[in-house]
Amino acid sequence: MTRKPYRITIAAVALLAAAPLFTACKNADQALDCGKRAISVTGDVQDLADSAVNVGQITDDSKRQHTLDALKKIRDDVKKVRESGSDGKLDKATDKLSKTIDDAQKAVNDGKQPDVGAIVSAATDVTTACGSS
């Protein structure tokens, strides 16, 4: 499971490097800011994956708190991505990621394993949307 977040990191870094190619000059700063935020989300997703796949996550309060903290960091970065720009694709992608974070937080609060795969998929959508904004 931890291999996929690394792929997102690589994709996000490539997006950041290529962002000026995807946008006109006046939108380059906005796309770069969005790309930077997407990279931050990617790092947060990696933190989440590292904590959530831990065997003791469900029963150990400190590990559960680490998972909740990682979810909060992702949520905060999603807000920053939304502030960096708005278009239909980006709004849809951040809405999807927010929903998966809500679902994961509910699962953790219920003592269950969060669906990290859904969060990884939604974070990938945010990265892709940043590249096309």
N, C-alpha and C. Protein backbone atom coordinates (compact mmCIF):
# COMPACT_ATOMS: atom_id res chain seq x y z
N MET A 1 0.81 -1.20 0.00
CA MET A 1 0.00 0.00 0.00
C MET A 1 0.85 1.26 0.00
N THR A 2 2.03 1.18 0.58
CA THR A 2 2.84 2.38 0.66
C THR A 2 3.52 2.73 -0.65
N ARG A 3 3.44 1.88 -1.67
CA ARG A 3 4.08 2.19 -2.94
C ARG A 3 3.30 3.26 -3.70
N LYS A 4 1.98 3.24 -3.60
CA LYS A 4 1.15 4.18 -4.35
C LYS A 4 1.39 5.64 -3.95
N PRO A 5 1.47 5.96 -2.65
CA PRO A 5 1.74 7.37 -2.31
C PRO A 5 3.06 7.88 -2.89
N TYR A 6 4.07 7.01 -3.02
CA TYR A 6 5.32 7.45 -3.63
C TYR A 6 5.09 7.82 -5.09
N ARG A 7 4.23 7.09 -5.77
CA ARG A 7 3.91 7.42 -7.16
C ARG A 7 3.24 8.78 -7.24
N ILE A 8 2.39 9.07 -6.27
CA ILE A 8 1.73 10.37 -6.24
C ILE A 8 2.76 11.46 -6.04
N THR A 9 3.73 11.23 -5.16
CA THR A 9 4.78 12.21 -4.91
C THR A 9 5.55 12.49 -6.20
N ILE A 10 5.92 11.45 -6.91
CA ILE A 10 6.65 11.62 -8.16
C ILE A 10 5.81 12.40 -9.17
N ALA A 11 4.53 12.04 -9.26
CA ALA A 11 3.63 12.74 -10.19
C ALA A 11 3.49 14.21 -9.80
N ALA A 12 3.38 14.47 -8.50
CA ALA A 12 3.21 15.85 -8.04
C ALA A 12 4.46 16.68 -8.34
N VAL A 13 5.63 16.10 -8.13
CA VAL A 13 6.87 16.82 -8.42
C VAL A 13 6.98 17.10 -9.93
N ALA A 14 6.62 16.11 -10.73
CA ALA A 14 6.64 16.30 -12.19
C ALA A 14 5.66 17.39 -12.59
N LEU A 15 4.50 17.40 -11.96
CA LEU A 15 3.50 18.42 -12.24
C LEU A 15 4.04 19.81 -11.90
N LEU A 16 4.67 19.93 -10.76
CA LEU A 16 5.22 21.22 -10.35
C LEU A 16 6.26 21.71 -11.35
N ALA A 17 7.09 20.81 -11.80
CA ALA A 17 8.12 21.19 -12.76
C ALA A 17 7.54 21.56 -14.12
N ALA A 18 6.44 20.92 -14.50
CA ALA A 18 5.86 21.15 -15.82
C ALA A 18 4.69 22.14 -15.81
N ALA A 19 4.31 22.65 -14.67
CA ALA A 19 3.14 23.53 -14.57
C ALA A 19 3.16 24.69 -15.56
N PRO A 20 4.29 25.36 -15.75
CA PRO A 20 4.28 26.47 -16.72
C PRO A 20 3.94 26.02 -18.14
N LEU A 21 4.21 24.77 -18.46
CA LEU A 21 3.89 24.26 -19.79
C LEU A 21 2.39 24.08 -19.99
N PHE A 22 1.66 23.90 -18.89
CA PHE A 22 0.23 23.65 -18.96
C PHE A 22 -0.60 24.93 -18.93
N THR A 23 0.00 26.04 -18.61
CA THR A 23 -0.77 27.26 -18.40
C THR A 23 -0.17 28.43 -19.13
N ALA A 24 -0.99 29.44 -19.34
CA ALA A 24 -0.48 30.70 -19.88
C ALA A 24 0.32 31.40 -18.80
N CYS A 25 1.14 32.36 -19.19
CA CYS A 25 2.01 33.03 -18.22
C CYS A 25 1.25 33.63 -17.05
N LYS A 26 0.12 34.27 -17.33
CA LYS A 26 -0.59 34.92 -16.22
C LYS A 26 -1.16 33.92 -15.22
N ASN A 27 -1.35 32.66 -15.63
CA ASN A 27 -1.87 31.65 -14.72
C ASN A 27 -0.77 30.78 -14.12
N ALA A 28 0.47 31.02 -14.52
CA ALA A 28 1.56 30.17 -14.05
C ALA A 28 1.72 30.21 -12.54
N ASP A 29 1.65 31.39 -11.94
CA ASP A 29 1.79 31.49 -10.49
C ASP A 29 0.69 30.72 -9.77
N GLN A 30 -0.52 30.85 -10.27
CA GLN A 30 -1.65 30.14 -9.68
C GLN A 30 -1.46 28.62 -9.80
N ALA A 31 -1.03 28.16 -10.95
CA ALA A 31 -0.81 26.73 -11.16
C ALA A 31 0.34 26.22 -10.28
N LEU A 32 1.40 27.01 -10.17
CA LEU A 32 2.52 26.61 -9.31
C LEU A 32 2.10 26.53 -7.85
N ASP A 33 1.31 27.51 -7.40
CA ASP A 33 0.83 27.49 -6.03
C ASP A 33 -0.04 26.25 -5.80
N CYS A 34 -0.91 25.97 -6.73
CA CYS A 34 -1.76 24.79 -6.62
C CYS A 34 -0.89 23.52 -6.61
N GLY A 35 0.12 23.49 -7.46
CA GLY A 35 1.02 22.34 -7.51
C GLY A 35 1.77 22.14 -6.20
N LYS A 36 2.22 23.25 -5.62
CA LYS A 36 2.92 23.16 -4.33
C LYS A 36 1.99 22.60 -3.26
N ARG A 37 0.74 23.07 -3.26
CA ARG A 37 -0.24 22.58 -2.28
C ARG A 37 -0.54 21.10 -2.53
N ALA A 38 -0.60 20.71 -3.80
CA ALA A 38 -0.85 19.30 -4.12
C ALA A 38 0.30 18.42 -3.62
N ILE A 39 1.53 18.93 -3.72
CA ILE A 39 2.68 18.19 -3.19
C ILE A 39 2.57 18.06 -1.68
N SER A 40 2.12 19.11 -1.02
CA SER A 40 1.93 19.06 0.43
C SER A 40 0.87 18.02 0.80
N VAL A 41 -0.23 18.00 0.04
CA VAL A 41 -1.27 17.00 0.26
C VAL A 41 -0.67 15.60 0.11
N THR A 42 0.18 15.43 -0.90
CA THR A 42 0.80 14.13 -1.15
C THR A 42 1.63 13.69 0.05
N GLY A 43 2.41 14.59 0.61
CA GLY A 43 3.19 14.26 1.80
C GLY A 43 2.31 13.90 2.98
N ASP A 44 1.21 14.62 3.12
CA ASP A 44 0.27 14.32 4.20
C ASP A 44 -0.38 12.95 4.00
N VAL A 45 -0.68 12.60 2.76
CA VAL A 45 -1.26 11.28 2.46
C VAL A 45 -0.25 10.20 2.80
N GLN A 46 1.02 10.44 2.52
CA GLN A 46 2.06 9.47 2.88
C GLN A 46 2.11 9.29 4.39
N ASP A 47 2.05 10.39 5.16
CA ASP A 47 2.01 10.29 6.62
C ASP A 47 0.81 9.46 7.08
N LEU A 48 -0.33 9.73 6.45
CA LEU A 48 -1.53 8.97 6.79
C LEU A 48 -1.34 7.49 6.51
N ALA A 49 -0.82 7.17 5.33
CA ALA A 49 -0.61 5.77 4.97
C ALA A 49 0.33 5.09 5.95
N ASP A 50 1.38 5.79 6.35
CA ASP A 50 2.33 5.22 7.30
C ASP A 50 1.69 4.92 8.64
N SER A 51 0.81 5.79 9.10
CA SER A 51 0.19 5.58 10.41
C SER A 51 -1.00 4.65 10.33
N ALA A 52 -1.79 4.73 9.28
CA ALA A 52 -3.04 3.98 9.20
C ALA A 52 -2.82 2.49 8.96
N VAL A 53 -1.74 2.13 8.30
CA VAL A 53 -1.51 0.72 8.03
C VAL A 53 -0.79 0.02 9.19
N ASN A 54 -0.48 0.78 10.21
CA ASN A 54 0.14 0.23 11.40
C ASN A 54 -0.83 -0.72 12.09
N VAL A 55 -0.39 -1.90 12.45
CA VAL A 55 -1.25 -2.92 13.02
C VAL A 55 -1.98 -2.42 14.27
N GLY A 56 -1.32 -1.65 15.11
CA GLY A 56 -1.92 -1.20 16.36
C GLY A 56 -2.77 0.05 16.23
N GLN A 57 -2.96 0.55 15.04
CA GLN A 57 -3.67 1.81 14.83
C GLN A 57 -5.06 1.81 15.44
N ILE A 58 -5.76 0.71 15.35
CA ILE A 58 -7.14 0.68 15.83
C ILE A 58 -7.20 0.68 17.35
N THR A 59 -6.27 0.01 18.01
CA THR A 59 -6.36 -0.13 19.47
C THR A 59 -5.46 0.81 20.25
N ASP A 60 -4.41 1.34 19.65
CA ASP A 60 -3.47 2.20 20.35
C ASP A 60 -3.89 3.66 20.16
N ASP A 61 -4.23 4.32 21.27
CA ASP A 61 -4.72 5.70 21.20
C ASP A 61 -3.73 6.66 20.56
N SER A 62 -2.43 6.51 20.85
CA SER A 62 -1.45 7.44 20.28
C SER A 62 -1.34 7.25 18.77
N LYS A 63 -1.41 6.01 18.31
CA LYS A 63 -1.36 5.77 16.87
C LYS A 63 -2.64 6.25 16.20
N ARG A 64 -3.76 6.06 16.86
CA ARG A 64 -5.02 6.56 16.32
C ARG A 64 -4.98 8.08 16.22
N GLN A 65 -4.42 8.74 17.23
CA GLN A 65 -4.30 10.19 17.20
C GLN A 65 -3.39 10.64 16.06
N HIS A 66 -2.33 9.90 15.81
CA HIS A 66 -1.44 10.24 14.70
C HIS A 66 -2.20 10.18 13.38
N THR A 67 -3.05 9.18 13.23
CA THR A 67 -3.87 9.05 12.02
C THR A 67 -4.83 10.23 11.92
N LEU A 68 -5.47 10.59 13.02
CA LEU A 68 -6.38 11.74 13.02
C LEU A 68 -5.63 13.04 12.70
N ASP A 69 -4.42 13.18 13.24
CA ASP A 69 -3.61 14.36 12.94
C ASP A 69 -3.26 14.43 11.45
N ALA A 70 -2.92 13.26 10.87
CA ALA A 70 -2.60 13.23 9.44
C ALA A 70 -3.83 13.62 8.61
N LEU A 71 -4.99 13.17 9.01
CA LEU A 71 -6.23 13.54 8.31
C LEU A 71 -6.48 15.05 8.41
N LYS A 72 -6.21 15.62 9.59
CA LYS A 72 -6.40 17.06 9.77
C LYS A 72 -5.44 17.85 8.88
N LYS A 73 -4.19 17.39 8.77
CA LYS A 73 -3.22 18.06 7.90
C LYS A 73 -3.69 18.03 6.45
N ILE A 74 -4.22 16.89 6.02
CA ILE A 74 -4.72 16.80 4.65
C ILE A 74 -5.88 17.77 4.46
N ARG A 75 -6.79 17.79 5.42
CA ARG A 75 -7.95 18.69 5.35
C ARG A 75 -7.49 20.15 5.26
N ASP A 76 -6.50 20.53 6.06
CA ASP A 76 -5.99 21.91 6.04
C ASP A 76 -5.36 22.24 4.68
N ASP A 77 -4.61 21.29 4.12
CA ASP A 77 -4.00 21.54 2.82
C ASP A 77 -5.03 21.58 1.71
N VAL A 78 -6.09 20.82 1.83
CA VAL A 78 -7.17 20.88 0.83
C VAL A 78 -7.78 22.28 0.83
N LYS A 79 -7.96 22.86 2.01
CA LYS A 79 -8.48 24.23 2.09
C LYS A 79 -7.55 25.21 1.37
N LYS A 80 -6.25 25.02 1.54
CA LYS A 80 -5.27 25.89 0.89
C LYS A 80 -5.29 25.70 -0.63
N VAL A 81 -5.48 24.47 -1.08
CA VAL A 81 -5.58 24.22 -2.52
C VAL A 81 -6.79 24.96 -3.08
N ARG A 82 -7.90 24.89 -2.36
CA ARG A 82 -9.11 25.59 -2.81
C ARG A 82 -8.88 27.10 -2.88
N GLU A 83 -8.10 27.63 -1.96
CA GLU A 83 -7.81 29.06 -1.96
C GLU A 83 -6.88 29.45 -3.10
N SER A 84 -6.10 28.50 -3.59
CA SER A 84 -5.12 28.82 -4.64
C SER A 84 -5.77 28.99 -6.01
N GLY A 85 -6.99 28.60 -6.15
CA GLY A 85 -7.67 28.77 -7.43
C GLY A 85 -8.94 27.97 -7.46
N SER A 86 -9.76 28.27 -8.44
CA SER A 86 -11.02 27.57 -8.52
C SER A 86 -11.40 27.35 -9.97
N ASP A 87 -11.73 26.13 -10.26
CA ASP A 87 -12.35 25.79 -11.53
C ASP A 87 -13.14 24.51 -11.30
N GLY A 88 -13.90 24.10 -12.27
CA GLY A 88 -14.78 22.96 -12.09
C GLY A 88 -14.05 21.69 -11.69
N LYS A 89 -12.95 21.39 -12.38
CA LYS A 89 -12.21 20.16 -12.09
C LYS A 89 -11.58 20.19 -10.71
N LEU A 90 -10.98 21.31 -10.36
CA LEU A 90 -10.33 21.42 -9.06
C LEU A 90 -11.36 21.38 -7.93
N ASP A 91 -12.47 22.06 -8.11
CA ASP A 91 -13.52 22.03 -7.09
C ASP A 91 -14.05 20.62 -6.89
N LYS A 92 -14.27 19.92 -7.98
CA LYS A 92 -14.79 18.54 -7.90
C LYS A 92 -13.76 17.63 -7.22
N ALA A 93 -12.49 17.79 -7.57
CA ALA A 93 -11.44 16.96 -6.98
C ALA A 93 -11.28 17.22 -5.49
N THR A 94 -11.30 18.49 -5.08
CA THR A 94 -11.16 18.79 -3.65
C THR A 94 -12.40 18.36 -2.88
N ASP A 95 -13.56 18.44 -3.50
CA ASP A 95 -14.78 17.94 -2.83
C ASP A 95 -14.68 16.44 -2.59
N LYS A 96 -14.19 15.72 -3.60
CA LYS A 96 -14.03 14.27 -3.48
C LYS A 96 -13.03 13.94 -2.37
N LEU A 97 -11.92 14.66 -2.33
CA LEU A 97 -10.91 14.41 -1.30
C LEU A 97 -11.47 14.73 0.08
N SER A 98 -12.20 15.82 0.21
CA SER A 98 -12.81 16.16 1.49
C SER A 98 -13.76 15.07 1.96
N LYS A 99 -14.54 14.51 1.04
CA LYS A 99 -15.48 13.44 1.39
C LYS A 99 -14.74 12.20 1.87
N THR A 100 -13.64 11.84 1.18
CA THR A 100 -12.89 10.66 1.60
C THR A 100 -12.23 10.89 2.97
N ILE A 101 -11.83 12.13 3.24
CA ILE A 101 -11.26 12.44 4.55
C ILE A 101 -12.34 12.30 5.63
N ASP A 102 -13.53 12.82 5.36
CA ASP A 102 -14.64 12.68 6.31
C ASP A 102 -14.92 11.20 6.60
N ASP A 103 -14.97 10.39 5.53
CA ASP A 103 -15.23 8.95 5.69
C ASP A 103 -14.13 8.28 6.50
N ALA A 104 -12.87 8.65 6.23
CA ALA A 104 -11.75 8.07 6.96
C ALA A 104 -11.78 8.47 8.43
N GLN A 105 -12.11 9.73 8.69
CA GLN A 105 -12.17 10.18 10.08
C GLN A 105 -13.26 9.44 10.83
N LYS A 106 -14.39 9.24 10.21
CA LYS A 106 -15.47 8.48 10.84
C LYS A 106 -15.02 7.05 11.13
N ALA A 107 -14.33 6.43 10.18
CA ALA A 107 -13.84 5.07 10.39
C ALA A 107 -12.89 5.00 11.58
N VAL A 108 -11.94 5.94 11.64
CA VAL A 108 -10.98 5.96 12.74
C VAL A 108 -11.70 6.19 14.07
N ASN A 109 -12.64 7.12 14.08
CA ASN A 109 -13.40 7.37 15.31
C ASN A 109 -14.19 6.14 15.76
N ASP A 110 -14.60 5.31 14.79
CA ASP A 110 -15.32 4.08 15.10
C ASP A 110 -14.39 2.90 15.38
N GLY A 111 -13.06 3.17 15.39
CA GLY A 111 -12.09 2.12 15.67
C GLY A 111 -11.82 1.21 14.49
N LYS A 112 -12.08 1.70 13.29
CA LYS A 112 -11.87 0.90 12.08
C LYS A 112 -10.72 1.47 11.27
N GLN A 113 -10.24 0.64 10.36
CA GLN A 113 -9.16 1.04 9.46
C GLN A 113 -9.71 2.01 8.41
N PRO A 114 -9.11 3.18 8.21
CA PRO A 114 -9.58 4.10 7.17
C PRO A 114 -9.22 3.58 5.78
N ASP A 115 -10.00 3.98 4.79
CA ASP A 115 -9.75 3.58 3.41
C ASP A 115 -8.71 4.52 2.80
N VAL A 116 -7.46 4.19 3.00
CA VAL A 116 -6.36 5.02 2.49
C VAL A 116 -6.35 5.03 0.97
N GLY A 117 -6.74 3.93 0.35
CA GLY A 117 -6.77 3.85 -1.10
C GLY A 117 -7.67 4.90 -1.72
N ALA A 118 -8.83 5.14 -1.10
CA ALA A 118 -9.75 6.17 -1.60
C ALA A 118 -9.13 7.55 -1.47
N ILE A 119 -8.40 7.78 -0.39
CA ILE A 119 -7.75 9.08 -0.19
C ILE A 119 -6.63 9.27 -1.21
N VAL A 120 -5.86 8.22 -1.47
CA VAL A 120 -4.80 8.28 -2.47
C VAL A 120 -5.39 8.62 -3.84
N SER A 121 -6.48 7.94 -4.19
CA SER A 121 -7.14 8.19 -5.47
C SER A 121 -7.63 9.63 -5.58
N ALA A 122 -8.27 10.12 -4.52
CA ALA A 122 -8.78 11.49 -4.52
C ALA A 122 -7.64 12.51 -4.56
N ALA A 123 -6.54 12.23 -3.86
CA ALA A 123 -5.39 13.14 -3.89
C ALA A 123 -4.77 13.18 -5.28
N THR A 124 -4.76 12.05 -5.97
CA THR A 124 -4.28 12.01 -7.35
C THR A 124 -5.14 12.91 -8.24
N ASP A 125 -6.45 12.88 -8.01
CA ASP A 125 -7.36 13.73 -8.78
C ASP A 125 -7.06 15.21 -8.55
N VAL A 126 -6.74 15.57 -7.30
CA VAL A 126 -6.39 16.96 -6.99
C VAL A 126 -5.12 17.35 -7.73
N THR A 127 -4.12 16.48 -7.71
CA THR A 127 -2.87 16.76 -8.41
C THR A 127 -3.12 16.96 -9.91
N THR A 128 -3.93 16.10 -10.49
CA THR A 128 -4.26 16.20 -11.90
C THR A 128 -5.01 17.51 -12.20
N ALA A 129 -5.96 17.84 -11.33
CA ALA A 129 -6.74 19.07 -11.53
C ALA A 129 -5.85 20.31 -11.43
N CYS A 130 -4.87 20.28 -10.55
CA CYS A 130 -3.94 21.40 -10.44
C CYS A 130 -3.16 21.59 -11.74
N GLY A 131 -2.83 20.49 -12.39
CA GLY A 131 -2.08 20.55 -13.63
C GLY A 131 -2.90 21.11 -14.79
N SER A 132 -4.20 21.01 -14.68
CA SER A 132 -5.04 21.49 -15.78
C SER A 132 -5.69 22.82 -15.47
N SER A 133 -5.43 23.36 -14.27
CA SER A 133 -6.06 24.64 -13.92
C SER A 133 -5.33 25.80 -14.53
